[in-house]
Amino acid sequence: MDEHVYEQLLRAVDVSHAPDSAQADRAAAYAFCESFQSRPDCVSYAFYLLQSGGHGAHHRHFALHVVETWLRVHWKSVPFEDTVMYRSTLLDIAGRHVAADEPSFLKEKLVKVLADIAKRQFPQRWPDLLEQLLQLWCVGPVQAEIVMLLFRSIAEDCVSSSFNSTIPPTRRKDILQGLNACFPTLFPLVYQQLEVQYSALQDPAGDHKPANAVLLAALQMVKEFLDWMPVATPAAPDTNFIAAASLLVQTPSLIPPLRTAAAECLEVYFSRSFGKDNLALLVATTTTCWASLGTIGVGDVDDADDFSVHLHVNRVLVSWGTHQLELLAGEFPASQEVLAPFVALLLRFFQHPSLTITEAQVIVWLNLLKQPKLVNALLLPQVVPALWTTALDKYFKLHSPDRDDAPAVSALEFEDHDAYAAFFSNFRGRLYGVLRLLIGLQPAVGIQHLHDRLQYVLSTQARGSDALDARGHCTDLSTAHVYHEGMVALIDCLMKSVPDHALADGGILATLGASVDLLLAYDTPDPWLLFRHCLALSLFAKYYVRVPGLYPRVFERLFGLIVFLQPGETLLGTMDATTMNVRRRALASLISICHASPAHVLPFLPILCNQVVGLFPVVLDSESVLMYEMLVLVSNSLPTAAERSSFVAQITAEPLATWTSPAMSAVVASPAALVQAVAANDNALVLGIVKVLTTLYGVAKRIVLSEDGPHPYTAVWPALLPNLLALLRTLHALPAEKAALFPAVSDAMGLVCMSQEEVAQALLGKETVPVLEPGLLRNARWAKNVRDICYHLLGCALSLPSFYALLDVCALAGMLDQAVVAHLDGLEHRHWKSLLSSVWLPFVKGCPESHLAPLLHPIVLRVLSHLSARLAPAFGGDSSATPAAHLPVVRGLDIQATTLETVHNAVVLEVTRHAVDFCEALVDAKTVVDADSDHPKHVVQEKDRVLRDFVLASPPLTHGLVGLLLGAMTFTDTLSARRSAVLLDRLVTLLYLRPEFGILLGKEVFTAALAALLQHFYDVDDGLKWELVNLLRNVYCRTTLGLLPVDECKGIDPVNQPRKPDDQVNPWPRHILLGLHGVETSHVVELEAALRQHPSLKAQKNLVKEFVETPFLAYRDAPHTFKTIDDLPESLVLLNKASKEPHNDDVNTGLLFTR
């Protein structure tokens, strides 16, 4: 060894860690350290440093890093004798050169290096690992700690079968078998250490740091074994680890990391499957655990460590409730002695000030409340009242850490109000489920709670008192607004969930009437509170049906708020956004009430019509549209089709006359005329287009189809469509003609630009882009709104079967071609989003069977091929190849290049997601039935089945569909990729018997799924990966092996399914697997035999996943530790180590944990 190099190394490490080193010196030190690790003798230097005394922790840590790096890079070329020397040297360092007060990061680094060697050699090439580690164990407590940390590190990677493991399946199984053989010897020693170190902690004068470290290592190690050791082992009388862990959790004098580690062990143990054979064991361990956990105090905490303990204890309860409740509930009332303390303990933590703790429990309470026996015997007397109180209290958004009266624990849970608000929306949704079940049990109690809280809010929080704006009104942070917002959410929850039979109860109706009277008597000038007030009135719609005499009073109040103005505001002047919100909310509430039961509102239709006519002069155009919609909703309940059609004709007469006027026709038919009108600010025409189209669409979408006559819009379409199609042609022609149409500097250029709202939507509201040209952006918003409403109207027509009878097929095809199909190539990506959702989706859903071949087939084939070509650059990862005509034009905004790229990517993502929606509508459309029940179902309707069969009967459509889905499956958007994989799996199930699609499924789909799985192999989220594995499984089993899932084996033994004839076998999947790195014919034969032997989907998916893991590790560098871990050629032979078990009787602590 060169002493000069050695000294240089020490100095370089010192300089790189010194905070006051000069930048140049630090860079030189880094460079030396990096170059040093490439020396062939660097490991010798590292071992010398580690075995020499007097060096700092940073020197020793770097030395271990050198060893780790050397082994990672050179492992496959290192002779076996050298690897034995390396591990022996490392064990010697652990035994003789690790101090009692060694920093934890050094011990962890040493463990990491040893564990990486063990993962490559144990047990075949390191058969005496246990003996060597037990010798190390006897050296002292710190060595015992290292041994336990080492076993923890080995086990935690092997027990997990996630995709992120760096260990191939066979190697993992070998290691687990080796650990299993070691465990009978190891576990009593670990338990003994628990006793010894716990005893040391009882001495107040002793040094507790070593004992804490050993205890923590013991708990962490056992946690990794608890998931797979025999369920009775950790509760054996002589080594009752579960009782010990329960005691450690409850002991307040222990450091919090020890208590949380013990709680994690209990959480894992109670997630095991006990079964009826181990019911007595479950009862005994649970009783012991509840006795210990019941002593833990629950209250507001301001210490992060104490809060962590509470969180982990709560996880124990949730784990037990999730995995053991069903077994114990089946034994009730014999299991009452276990369930009663569990429910009491669960309720105590449900009442904890922490919202996180409460939310985690919801799934358990949902299960409990669905068990009638448990509800009647355990919950109703005392638990349910406390549940009501706690759930209602926490339904209000009063726990923000920014509030002065928030619990102290809130500051530990949430960084700021934004984090709290993001959490709370999901939290309230979880509580919704609990309240829904509670009001089902006690509707009268729930409605009374609602009335009491409403009375409290309207009386004590009638006005804002804090966080007010310049006018003295509330803001979203005002306490009064928080109460009103929570009250409205609570009304929504309880009124939606109250059973229908309860609304026949006179007492409940009286309480609801008193609540509505409170709302009608409430008055405030505050727009924030009025907005919630309007919403609250609409939420009692189910009650109004029972008491229709209330409709006039409620309508009068809401009509009065439609014309709400704050002091100084006028209809044609500037209105504050809060004023607009109140007016729109009042209109939306009227629509909601009418929509809930139009038949009950029908007697009041003349009153509504008079009110609407009287309000037309004092409302905005957009508000008048909503009033039209309200009237149509009610008119749907008119008794005859003639009356309904007559009513629709009356209210659409004026808008149609405006729409078909000569002036309007001239503007919509000419790009030049439209640009000229916009440039001249001709509001009568420009804004008139929006008002007329919005009105006509609002009426059309609110009409409910009936079977007793023609659709009320049948007479409207012939007058509406010519100008509508002309306007679409004009809008689609603008980008191609913009050079001739627009002056160099003109706000009219906004007609072809992306609006500010679209940019904000693409950025998800996370970034504000300053406006430079407001006039141009105003026109951009107008163009977007007009284009969207045109698409909506066209889609509305195409969704109606009656529409297709108005024109012959040729005329209809020509109409769509001229207005839309001919312009597909010139549309921007952002327009395709609306086109797919508003036009093509309604088209494929509404097209009658008679028009499928002559109309739908050519259009859908054109759309699929166009989408595949349009999105090909994005699917291929080369966004620079996207044509400029497809990218949005962004002007009038101060936007950076990186932000603009984000906008482009967001638009492509939206188009891709809508394209997948379109594919789903073609071949896997489902309709939700029983949506209001506890068990909604997705069913395939007959018309959707007919469409699916037609599409799949056409090879061109099928190839186009699969091609688009294959591209989306490789796209960077995980949601699109996952949904595409699911749809392709469905297509495999539908098409596997058709030989003409053999190459498509066996080669193209199988290859793409493998490529996508390799691309996402190390992603954190496993959802997409399992969908891809399932797709591979389905292709291989159906097309190559002829295996069907168990549920499709009607009259066939799933394990002995007949083999496919050779001429029907699809050879492609087998050839592709044989082409993977290191895969031989014997491996594929073993896989196929295993797939036949295990017919369950879960088992088959695991087999496929484990099969591809090994070759995939060769293609992709593992992200942790060594680059690859190879299987060992030696067969695994495990000797019985019981005879070699060391006897240690020098410690007598057998009764230490006895309670």
Foldseek 3Di string as FASTA:
>chain_A
DDVVLLVLLLVLLVLCPDPPHDPVSVVVSVVSLVVLLPDPCLLVSLLVVLPDPDDDPSSNLSSLVSLLVCCQVCVVVDDLVVLVVVLVSLLVSLQPRADLPHDPVSLLSSLVSNLVSCLFAPPPNPVCVLVSLVVSCVSDLSSVLSSLLNLLVNLQLLVDPALQRQHFVVSSVRNVVRVLLNVVLPQVVLLVLLLVLVVQVVDPPDDNVSSLSSLLSSLSSVLSVLLPDPLCVCCDQLRVVLLSLLQQLLDPVDFLSNNLSSLSSLLNSLLHAQPPVCPVVVLVSLLSNLVSVVNDDAEFDQDLSVVSSLQSNLSSLLSNLVRPVVVLLVVPPVSVVRVQSSLVSLLSQCLHLDLVSVLSCLVSLLVQLVRVVCCVPRCPPPNLVSLVVSLLVLLFLPQFPVDPPHGSCNVVVAVGRVRSVVVNVVSNVSSLSNVLSSCVVPVLVLLLVLLVLLVCLCPVLVAFDPPADPVRAHDCPTPSLSSLVSSLVSLLSSLLRHDPVVLVDPSSLVSVVSSVVSLLPRDDLHLSNLLSSLSSLLSCLSSCLVVVVCVVSLLVVLLVLLLDADPPDAQPDDGDPSSVSSNVSSLVSLQSSCLVPLLSCLVCLVVLVVSLVVCVVRHDLVSNLSSLLSSLSNLLNPDAPVSSLVVLCVVLVVLLCVCQDPVNLVCLQALLSVLVCLQVVVCCNLVSLLSSLSNVLSNLVSHDDDDRDDGSCPVVCVSNPPSLLSNLLSLLCCVVCVVVRDDPDTLSVLLQFAALVLLCVLVVVPDHWAFQDVSNNVNVVSNVSSLLSSLQVQLSLLLALSSCVVDDQVVVQVSCCSRPVVRLVQEALLSLLSNLVRHLLSNLNRPDPVCCVVHVVVSLLSVLVSLLVQCVCQLVVNPVPHDPSHQGHHPRTRDDPVSSVSSRVSSSVSSLVSVLVSLCQQAPDWDWDPPSDPDIDTHQDPSSVSSNVVQVVDVSSVVSSLSSLLSQLSGPDLVSNQSSLVVLLVVCVVPLQPVVCLCVLLPVVLVSLLVSCLVCSNPPDCRSNLSSLLSNLSSCCCQAFVQDAPVPQDVHDNLDDDGDPPVRHRCRNVVVLCPFPPDDPVLVVVLSNQCSRDRHSVSNSSSSSSSVSVSSLVVAQSPDRRRHRDDDPDDNDRDNCPVVSDDDDPDPSSCVSPD
